[in-house]
């Protein structure tokens, strides 16, 4: 599942880069990776560190939710907003998603530490 989370992140960053490239050309690709894509990078880093299936599930959910949030924001900016300054909202996409993503990342780390703690405790002799 670890590879699946990294693959989801890479695919999502690729789609994000292509969508932003559609708006403003090649100048948007580094922007997509550095500004909009940093939550996927953090999620991939957590995915490589956490090994339990529960933590991987939380990280996959965070990946999927951020991808949905980005697609919603992209649709809103491109199709619904008439203001020429609307694309500036892409700068804040990760910041606006941070409270929800932070909860998923915290829960994944908590799940990982609980599983490691349970493995380290000796079984009670009974």
C-alpha atoms as a PDB file:
ATOM      1  CA  UNK A   1       0.000   0.000   0.000  1.00  0.00           C
ATOM      2  CA  UNK A   2       3.017   2.233   0.512  1.00  0.00           C
ATOM      3  CA  UNK A   3       3.730   2.257  -3.213  1.00  0.00           C
ATOM      4  CA  UNK A   4       0.074   2.972  -3.933  1.00  0.00           C
ATOM      5  CA  UNK A   5       0.129   6.155  -1.853  1.00  0.00           C
ATOM      6  CA  UNK A   6       3.281   7.385  -3.558  1.00  0.00           C
ATOM      7  CA  UNK A   7       1.785   6.535  -6.967  1.00  0.00           C
ATOM      8  CA  UNK A   8      -1.408   8.426  -6.103  1.00  0.00           C
ATOM      9  CA  UNK A   9       0.666  11.436  -5.075  1.00  0.00           C
ATOM     10  CA  UNK A  10       2.781  11.379  -8.228  1.00  0.00           C
ATOM     11  CA  UNK A  11      -0.291  10.953 -10.441  1.00  0.00           C
ATOM     12  CA  UNK A  12      -2.122  13.751  -8.655  1.00  0.00           C
ATOM     13  CA  UNK A  13       0.853  16.099  -8.951  1.00  0.00           C
ATOM     14  CA  UNK A  14       1.088  15.247 -12.655  1.00  0.00           C
ATOM     15  CA  UNK A  15      -2.582  16.028 -13.213  1.00  0.00           C
ATOM     16  CA  UNK A  16      -2.200  19.218 -11.175  1.00  0.00           C
ATOM     17  CA  UNK A  17       0.788  20.261 -13.301  1.00  0.00           C
ATOM     18  CA  UNK A  18      -1.060  19.520 -16.539  1.00  0.00           C
ATOM     19  CA  UNK A  19      -4.137  21.453 -15.448  1.00  0.00           C
ATOM     20  CA  UNK A  20      -2.092  24.470 -14.417  1.00  0.00           C
ATOM     21  CA  UNK A  21       0.009  24.148 -17.583  1.00  0.00           C
ATOM     22  CA  UNK A  22      -3.260  24.426 -19.476  1.00  0.00           C
ATOM     23  CA  UNK A  23      -3.856  27.793 -17.795  1.00  0.00           C
ATOM     24  CA  UNK A  24      -0.489  29.461 -18.236  1.00  0.00           C
ATOM     25  CA  UNK A  25       2.041  27.249 -19.977  1.00  0.00           C
ATOM     26  CA  UNK A  26       5.331  25.764 -18.772  1.00  0.00           C
ATOM     27  CA  UNK A  27       5.875  28.437 -16.143  1.00  0.00           C
ATOM     28  CA  UNK A  28       3.115  26.822 -14.076  1.00  0.00           C
ATOM     29  CA  UNK A  29       4.766  23.392 -13.755  1.00  0.00           C
ATOM     30  CA  UNK A  30       7.350  24.353 -11.067  1.00  0.00           C
ATOM     31  CA  UNK A  31       4.623  26.389  -9.398  1.00  0.00           C
ATOM     32  CA  UNK A  32       2.389  23.333  -9.331  1.00  0.00           C
ATOM     33  CA  UNK A  33       5.039  21.181  -7.709  1.00  0.00           C
ATOM     34  CA  UNK A  34       6.317  23.704  -5.166  1.00  0.00           C
ATOM     35  CA  UNK A  35       3.227  25.665  -4.174  1.00  0.00           C
ATOM     36  CA  UNK A  36       0.193  23.511  -4.914  1.00  0.00           C
ATOM     37  CA  UNK A  37       1.804  20.067  -4.701  1.00  0.00           C
ATOM     38  CA  UNK A  38       3.592  20.285  -1.344  1.00  0.00           C
ATOM     39  CA  UNK A  39       0.825  18.406   0.524  1.00  0.00           C
ATOM     40  CA  UNK A  40       1.336  15.450  -1.824  1.00  0.00           C
ATOM     41  CA  UNK A  41       5.083  15.569  -1.142  1.00  0.00           C
ATOM     42  CA  UNK A  42       4.471  15.579   2.622  1.00  0.00           C
ATOM     43  CA  UNK A  43       1.973  12.747   2.245  1.00  0.00           C
ATOM     44  CA  UNK A  44       4.458  10.689   0.210  1.00  0.00           C
ATOM     45  CA  UNK A  45       7.116  11.286   2.873  1.00  0.00           C
ATOM     46  CA  UNK A  46       4.722  10.106   5.602  1.00  0.00           C
ATOM     47  CA  UNK A  47       3.772   7.149   3.429  1.00  0.00           C
ATOM     48  CA  UNK A  48       7.399   6.054   3.177  1.00  0.00           C
ATOM     49  CA  UNK A  49       7.882   6.372   6.948  1.00  0.00           C
ATOM     50  CA  UNK A  50       4.683   4.738   8.208  1.00  0.00           C
ATOM     51  CA  UNK A  51       4.334   1.053   7.514  1.00  0.00           C
ATOM     52  CA  UNK A  52       1.065  -0.075   9.093  1.00  0.00           C
ATOM     53  CA  UNK A  53      -1.959  -0.574   6.889  1.00  0.00           C
ATOM     54  CA  UNK A  54      -4.101   1.690   9.078  1.00  0.00           C
ATOM     55  CA  UNK A  55      -1.658   4.597   8.724  1.00  0.00           C
ATOM     56  CA  UNK A  56      -1.454   3.959   4.977  1.00  0.00           C
ATOM     57  CA  UNK A  57      -5.259   4.094   4.814  1.00  0.00           C
ATOM     58  CA  UNK A  58      -5.321   7.492   6.515  1.00  0.00           C
ATOM     59  CA  UNK A  59      -2.644   8.763   4.140  1.00  0.00           C
ATOM     60  CA  UNK A  60      -4.518   7.448   1.104  1.00  0.00           C
ATOM     61  CA  UNK A  61      -7.636   9.248   2.341  1.00  0.00           C
ATOM     62  CA  UNK A  62      -5.637  12.466   2.762  1.00  0.00           C
ATOM     63  CA  UNK A  63      -4.241  12.091  -0.779  1.00  0.00           C
ATOM     64  CA  UNK A  64      -7.696  11.572  -2.212  1.00  0.00           C
ATOM     65  CA  UNK A  65      -9.286  14.419  -0.261  1.00  0.00           C
ATOM     66  CA  UNK A  66      -6.603  16.904  -1.300  1.00  0.00           C
ATOM     67  CA  UNK A  67      -6.948  15.794  -4.924  1.00  0.00           C
ATOM     68  CA  UNK A  68     -10.703  16.372  -4.723  1.00  0.00           C
ATOM     69  CA  UNK A  69     -10.151  19.766  -3.087  1.00  0.00           C
ATOM     70  CA  UNK A  70      -7.723  20.781  -5.833  1.00  0.00           C
ATOM     71  CA  UNK A  71     -10.118  19.665  -8.588  1.00  0.00           C
ATOM     72  CA  UNK A  72     -12.965  21.598  -6.952  1.00  0.00           C
ATOM     73  CA  UNK A  73     -10.776  24.698  -6.670  1.00  0.00           C
ATOM     74  CA  UNK A  74      -9.590  24.342 -10.271  1.00  0.00           C
ATOM     75  CA  UNK A  75     -13.168  24.025 -11.507  1.00  0.00           C
ATOM     76  CA  UNK A  76     -14.212  27.047  -9.483  1.00  0.00           C
ATOM     77  CA  UNK A  77     -11.315  29.197 -10.748  1.00  0.00           C
ATOM     78  CA  UNK A  78     -11.596  28.206 -14.406  1.00  0.00           C
ATOM     79  CA  UNK A  79     -15.351  27.894 -14.882  1.00  0.00           C
ATOM     80  CA  UNK A  80     -17.124  29.941 -12.246  1.00  0.00           C
ATOM     81  CA  UNK A  81     -14.962  32.885 -11.258  1.00  0.00           C
ATOM     82  CA  UNK A  82     -14.947  35.953 -13.491  1.00  0.00           C
ATOM     83  CA  UNK A  83     -12.313  37.888 -11.555  1.00  0.00           C
ATOM     84  CA  UNK A  84      -8.890  37.876 -13.263  1.00  0.00           C
ATOM     85  CA  UNK A  85      -7.209  37.486  -9.860  1.00  0.00           C
ATOM     86  CA  UNK A  86      -8.921  34.163  -9.068  1.00  0.00           C
ATOM     87  CA  UNK A  87      -5.884  32.023 -10.007  1.00  0.00           C
ATOM     88  CA  UNK A  88      -4.119  33.521  -6.988  1.00  0.00           C
ATOM     89  CA  UNK A  89      -6.253  31.156  -4.914  1.00  0.00           C
ATOM     90  CA  UNK A  90      -4.002  28.291  -6.086  1.00  0.00           C
ATOM     91  CA  UNK A  91      -1.275  29.741  -3.858  1.00  0.00           C
ATOM     92  CA  UNK A  92      -3.478  29.131  -0.828  1.00  0.00           C
ATOM     93  CA  UNK A  93      -4.832  25.702  -1.850  1.00  0.00           C
ATOM     94  CA  UNK A  94      -2.486  23.790   0.444  1.00  0.00           C
ATOM     95  CA  UNK A  95      -2.841  26.291   3.270  1.00  0.00           C
ATOM     96  CA  UNK A  96      -6.635  26.056   3.207  1.00  0.00           C
ATOM     97  CA  UNK A  97      -6.451  22.247   3.196  1.00  0.00           C
ATOM     98  CA  UNK A  98      -3.834  22.080   5.952  1.00  0.00           C
ATOM     99  CA  UNK A  99      -6.225  21.770   8.943  1.00  0.00           C
ATOM    100  CA  UNK A 100      -7.976  18.731   7.441  1.00  0.00           C
ATOM    101  CA  UNK A 101      -4.772  17.188   6.068  1.00  0.00           C
ATOM    102  CA  UNK A 102      -3.085  17.797   9.417  1.00  0.00           C
ATOM    103  CA  UNK A 103      -5.783  15.758  11.154  1.00  0.00           C
ATOM    104  CA  UNK A 104      -5.244  12.851   8.764  1.00  0.00           C
ATOM    105  CA  UNK A 105      -1.445  13.056   9.114  1.00  0.00           C
ATOM    106  CA  UNK A 106      -1.732  13.229  12.905  1.00  0.00           C
ATOM    107  CA  UNK A 107      -4.101  10.248  12.961  1.00  0.00           C
ATOM    108  CA  UNK A 108      -1.735   8.232  10.740  1.00  0.00           C
ATOM    109  CA  UNK A 109       1.216   9.023  13.036  1.00  0.00           C
ATOM    110  CA  UNK A 110      -0.895   8.182  16.094  1.00  0.00           C
ATOM    111  CA  UNK A 111      -1.982   4.883  14.574  1.00  0.00           C
ATOM    112  CA  UNK A 112       1.609   4.032  13.697  1.00  0.00           C
ATOM    113  CA  UNK A 113       2.884   4.812  17.191  1.00  0.00           C
ATOM    114  CA  UNK A 114       0.066   2.793  18.813  1.00  0.00           C
ATOM    115  CA  UNK A 115       0.914  -0.235  16.676  1.00  0.00           C
ATOM    116  CA  UNK A 116       4.634   0.082  17.420  1.00  0.00           C
ATOM    117  CA  UNK A 117       3.922   0.450  21.157  1.00  0.00           C
ATOM    118  CA  UNK A 118       1.725  -2.666  21.153  1.00  0.00           C
ATOM    119  CA  UNK A 119       4.437  -4.658  19.380  1.00  0.00           C
ATOM    120  CA  UNK A 120       7.106  -3.615  21.890  1.00  0.00           C
ATOM    121  CA  UNK A 121       5.113  -4.509  25.021  1.00  0.00           C
ATOM    122  CA  UNK A 122       5.774  -8.030  26.271  1.00  0.00           C
ATOM    123  CA  UNK A 123       2.799 -10.333  26.500  1.00  0.00           C
ATOM    124  CA  UNK A 124       1.424 -10.677  30.011  1.00  0.00           C
ATOM    125  CA  UNK A 125       2.100 -14.050  31.531  1.00  0.00           C
ATOM    126  CA  UNK A 126      -1.120 -15.401  32.633  1.00  0.00           C
END
